[in-house]
PDB file of N, CA and C in Angstrom:
ATOM      1  N   MET A   1       5.974 -22.615  -5.980  1.00  0.00           N
ATOM      2  CA  MET A   1       6.831 -23.402  -5.968  1.00  0.00           C
ATOM      3  C   MET A   1       8.820 -22.688  -5.460  1.00  0.00           C
ATOM      4  N   PRO A   2       9.031 -22.849  -5.156  1.00  0.00           N
ATOM      5  CA  PRO A   2      10.744 -22.087  -4.716  1.00  0.00           C
ATOM      6  C   PRO A   2      11.754 -22.596  -5.635  1.00  0.00           C
ATOM      7  N   GLY A   3      12.292 -21.941  -6.247  1.00  0.00           N
ATOM      8  CA  GLY A   3      13.823 -22.046  -7.254  1.00  0.00           C
ATOM      9  C   GLY A   3      14.444 -21.252  -7.306  1.00  0.00           C
ATOM     10  N   TRP A   4      15.446 -21.526  -8.602  1.00  0.00           N
ATOM     11  CA  TRP A   4      16.046 -19.937  -9.557  1.00  0.00           C
ATOM     12  C   TRP A   4      15.609 -19.993 -10.872  1.00  0.00           C
ATOM     13  N   ARG A   5      15.715 -18.127 -11.130  1.00  0.00           N
ATOM     14  CA  ARG A   5      15.479 -18.229 -11.895  1.00  0.00           C
ATOM     15  C   ARG A   5      16.997 -17.175 -12.728  1.00  0.00           C
ATOM     16  N   ASP A   6      17.710 -17.232 -13.293  1.00  0.00           N
ATOM     17  CA  ASP A   6      18.580 -16.395 -13.839  1.00  0.00           C
ATOM     18  C   ASP A   6      19.372 -16.018 -12.872  1.00  0.00           C
ATOM     19  N   GLY A   7      19.908 -17.042 -11.874  1.00  0.00           N
ATOM     20  CA  GLY A   7      20.386 -17.478 -10.037  1.00  0.00           C
ATOM     21  C   GLY A   7      20.308 -15.695  -9.487  1.00  0.00           C
ATOM     22  N   VAL A   8      18.214 -16.049  -9.123  1.00  0.00           N
ATOM     23  CA  VAL A   8      18.096 -15.183  -8.419  1.00  0.00           C
ATOM     24  C   VAL A   8      17.059 -16.877  -8.322  1.00  0.00           C
ATOM     25  N   LYS A   9      16.854 -16.736  -6.776  1.00  0.00           N
ATOM     26  CA  LYS A   9      15.658 -17.270  -6.093  1.00  0.00           C
ATOM     27  C   LYS A   9      14.839 -16.399  -5.854  1.00  0.00           C
ATOM     28  N   ARG A  10      13.788 -17.550  -5.632  1.00  0.00           N
ATOM     29  CA  ARG A  10      11.803 -17.212  -6.519  1.00  0.00           C
ATOM     30  C   ARG A  10      10.970 -18.238  -6.711  1.00  0.00           C
ATOM     31  N   VAL A  11      10.113 -16.601  -5.899  1.00  0.00           N
ATOM     32  CA  VAL A  11       9.383 -17.726  -5.111  1.00  0.00           C
ATOM     33  C   VAL A  11       7.690 -17.819  -6.880  1.00  0.00           C
ATOM     34  N   SER A  12       7.305 -19.277  -7.078  1.00  0.00           N
ATOM     35  CA  SER A  12       6.298 -18.867  -8.180  1.00  0.00           C
ATOM     36  C   SER A  12       4.676 -18.831  -7.803  1.00  0.00           C
ATOM     37  N   VAL A  13       4.115 -18.280  -8.347  1.00  0.00           N
ATOM     38  CA  VAL A  13       2.564 -18.284  -8.037  1.00  0.00           C
ATOM     39  C   VAL A  13       1.795 -18.116  -8.932  1.00  0.00           C
ATOM     40  N   ASP A  14       0.991 -20.071  -9.666  1.00  0.00           N
ATOM     41  CA  ASP A  14       0.124 -19.899 -10.732  1.00  0.00           C
ATOM     42  C   ASP A  14      -0.941 -18.849 -10.839  1.00  0.00           C
ATOM     43  N   ALA A  15      -1.322 -18.157 -11.372  1.00  0.00           N
ATOM     44  CA  ALA A  15      -1.873 -17.378 -11.684  1.00  0.00           C
ATOM     45  C   ALA A  15      -3.763 -18.045 -11.864  1.00  0.00           C
ATOM     46  N   ARG A  16      -3.473 -19.344 -11.376  1.00  0.00           N
ATOM     47  CA  ARG A  16      -5.244 -19.661 -11.203  1.00  0.00           C
ATOM     48  C   ARG A  16      -5.310 -20.009 -10.254  1.00  0.00           C
ATOM     49  N   LEU A  17      -4.262 -19.619  -9.125  1.00  0.00           N
ATOM     50  CA  LEU A  17      -4.849 -19.350  -7.869  1.00  0.00           C
ATOM     51  C   LEU A  17      -5.424 -18.631  -7.342  1.00  0.00           C
ATOM     52  N   TYR A  18      -6.058 -17.145  -8.278  1.00  0.00           N
ATOM     53  CA  TYR A  18      -7.527 -15.930  -8.216  1.00  0.00           C
ATOM     54  C   TYR A  18      -8.099 -17.070  -8.265  1.00  0.00           C
ATOM     55  N   ASP A  19      -8.027 -17.471  -9.006  1.00  0.00           N
ATOM     56  CA  ASP A  19      -9.783 -18.598  -9.491  1.00  0.00           C
ATOM     57  C   ASP A  19     -10.084 -19.725  -8.054  1.00  0.00           C
ATOM     58  N   LEU A  20      -8.892 -19.685  -7.512  1.00  0.00           N
ATOM     59  CA  LEU A  20      -9.409 -21.485  -6.530  1.00  0.00           C
ATOM     60  C   LEU A  20      -9.160 -20.941  -5.266  1.00  0.00           C
ATOM     61  N   ASP A  21      -8.678 -19.918  -4.980  1.00  0.00           N
ATOM     62  CA  ASP A  21      -8.521 -19.175  -3.733  1.00  0.00           C
ATOM     63  C   ASP A  21      -8.072 -18.028  -3.571  1.00  0.00           C
ATOM     64  N   PRO A  22      -9.101 -17.127  -3.887  1.00  0.00           N
ATOM     65  CA  PRO A  22      -8.882 -15.384  -3.929  1.00  0.00           C
ATOM     66  C   PRO A  22      -8.266 -15.218  -2.771  1.00  0.00           C
ATOM     67  N   LEU A  23      -8.595 -16.038  -0.886  1.00  0.00           N
ATOM     68  CA  LEU A  23      -8.080 -15.286  -0.720  1.00  0.00           C
ATOM     69  C   LEU A  23      -6.618 -15.368  -0.023  1.00  0.00           C
ATOM     70  N   ALA A  24      -5.950 -16.246  -0.764  1.00  0.00           N
ATOM     71  CA  ALA A  24      -5.203 -17.217  -0.344  1.00  0.00           C
ATOM     72  C   ALA A  24      -4.327 -16.438  -1.714  1.00  0.00           C
ATOM     73  N   TYR A  25      -4.930 -16.103  -3.279  1.00  0.00           N
ATOM     74  CA  TYR A  25      -4.119 -14.878  -3.725  1.00  0.00           C
ATOM     75  C   TYR A  25      -3.568 -13.630  -3.214  1.00  0.00           C
ATOM     76  N   ARG A  26      -4.204 -12.769  -2.056  1.00  0.00           N
ATOM     77  CA  ARG A  26      -4.341 -11.874  -1.869  1.00  0.00           C
ATOM     78  C   ARG A  26      -3.072 -12.078  -1.072  1.00  0.00           C
ATOM     79  N   PHE A  27      -2.793 -13.046  -0.091  1.00  0.00           N
ATOM     80  CA  PHE A  27      -2.165 -13.620   0.983  1.00  0.00           C
ATOM     81  C   PHE A  27      -1.271 -13.511   0.310  1.00  0.00           C
ATOM     82  N   VAL A  28      -0.267 -13.861  -0.450  1.00  0.00           N
ATOM     83  CA  VAL A  28       0.764 -13.647  -1.043  1.00  0.00           C
ATOM     84  C   VAL A  28       0.997 -12.415  -1.903  1.00  0.00           C
ATOM     85  N   ALA A  29      -0.367 -12.013  -2.570  1.00  0.00           N
ATOM     86  CA  ALA A  29       0.260 -10.714  -2.502  1.00  0.00           C
ATOM     87  C   ALA A  29       0.485  -9.955  -1.153  1.00  0.00           C
ATOM     88  N   GLY A  30       0.307  -9.717  -0.974  1.00  0.00           N
ATOM     89  CA  GLY A  30       0.237  -8.961   0.492  1.00  0.00           C
ATOM     90  C   GLY A  30       1.470  -9.277   1.125  1.00  0.00           C
ATOM     91  N   PHE A  31       1.777 -10.442   0.941  1.00  0.00           N
ATOM     92  CA  PHE A  31       3.183 -10.762   1.611  1.00  0.00           C
ATOM     93  C   PHE A  31       4.222  -9.773   0.839  1.00  0.00           C
ATOM     94  N   ALA A  32       4.244 -10.058  -0.290  1.00  0.00           N
ATOM     95  CA  ALA A  32       4.839  -9.285  -1.270  1.00  0.00           C
ATOM     96  C   ALA A  32       5.185  -7.820  -1.366  1.00  0.00           C
ATOM     97  N   ALA A  33       3.749  -7.448  -1.763  1.00  0.00           N
ATOM     98  CA  ALA A  33       3.938  -6.241  -1.034  1.00  0.00           C
ATOM     99  C   ALA A  33       4.642  -5.523   0.708  1.00  0.00           C
ATOM    100  N   ASP A  34       4.298  -5.894   1.360  1.00  0.00           N
ATOM    101  CA  ASP A  34       4.575  -5.834   2.484  1.00  0.00           C
ATOM    102  C   ASP A  34       6.228  -6.278   2.787  1.00  0.00           C
ATOM    103  N   ASN A  35       7.168  -6.534   2.417  1.00  0.00           N
ATOM    104  CA  ASN A  35       7.811  -6.936   2.237  1.00  0.00           C
ATOM    105  C   ASN A  35       8.884  -6.307   0.774  1.00  0.00           C
ATOM    106  N   ALA A  36       8.066  -5.816   0.654  1.00  0.00           N
ATOM    107  CA  ALA A  36       8.530  -4.879  -1.022  1.00  0.00           C
ATOM    108  C   ALA A  36       9.830  -5.901  -2.149  1.00  0.00           C
ATOM    109  N   LEU A  37       8.913  -7.111  -2.120  1.00  0.00           N
ATOM    110  CA  LEU A  37       9.228  -8.363  -3.116  1.00  0.00           C
ATOM    111  C   LEU A  37       9.026  -7.758  -4.430  1.00  0.00           C
ATOM    112  N   ARG A  38       9.773  -7.880  -5.408  1.00  0.00           N
ATOM    113  CA  ARG A  38       9.550  -7.693  -7.319  1.00  0.00           C
ATOM    114  C   ARG A  38       9.027  -8.513  -7.671  1.00  0.00           C
ATOM    115  N   VAL A  39       7.992  -8.030  -8.320  1.00  0.00           N
ATOM    116  CA  VAL A  39       6.369  -8.982  -8.400  1.00  0.00           C
ATOM    117  C   VAL A  39       6.539  -8.828 -10.336  1.00  0.00           C
ATOM    118  N   VAL A  40       6.947 -10.521 -10.853  1.00  0.00           N
ATOM    119  CA  VAL A  40       6.972  -9.908 -12.498  1.00  0.00           C
ATOM    120  C   VAL A  40       6.303 -11.105 -12.877  1.00  0.00           C
ATOM    121  N   TRP A  41       5.391 -10.897 -14.199  1.00  0.00           N
ATOM    122  CA  TRP A  41       4.272 -11.565 -14.536  1.00  0.00           C
ATOM    123  C   TRP A  41       4.969 -12.156 -15.812  1.00  0.00           C
ATOM    124  N   LEU A  42       4.722 -13.268 -15.630  1.00  0.00           N
ATOM    125  CA  LEU A  42       5.496 -13.858 -16.817  1.00  0.00           C
ATOM    126  C   LEU A  42       4.183 -15.007 -17.787  1.00  0.00           C
ATOM    127  N   ASP A  43       4.630 -15.212 -19.018  1.00  0.00           N
ATOM    128  CA  ASP A  43       3.516 -15.284 -20.265  1.00  0.00           C
ATOM    129  C   ASP A  43       3.216 -16.553 -20.448  1.00  0.00           C
TER     130      ASP A  43
END
């Protein structure tokens, strides 16, 4: 889900995606890594 947090653009991905569709989760994680995007895990 696109949005803003603390004045910074972000995309939120629910961790449940891993359980629902591991391939989609790996794609998102790989995209972030390939593009040197910062990943922050939220509680």
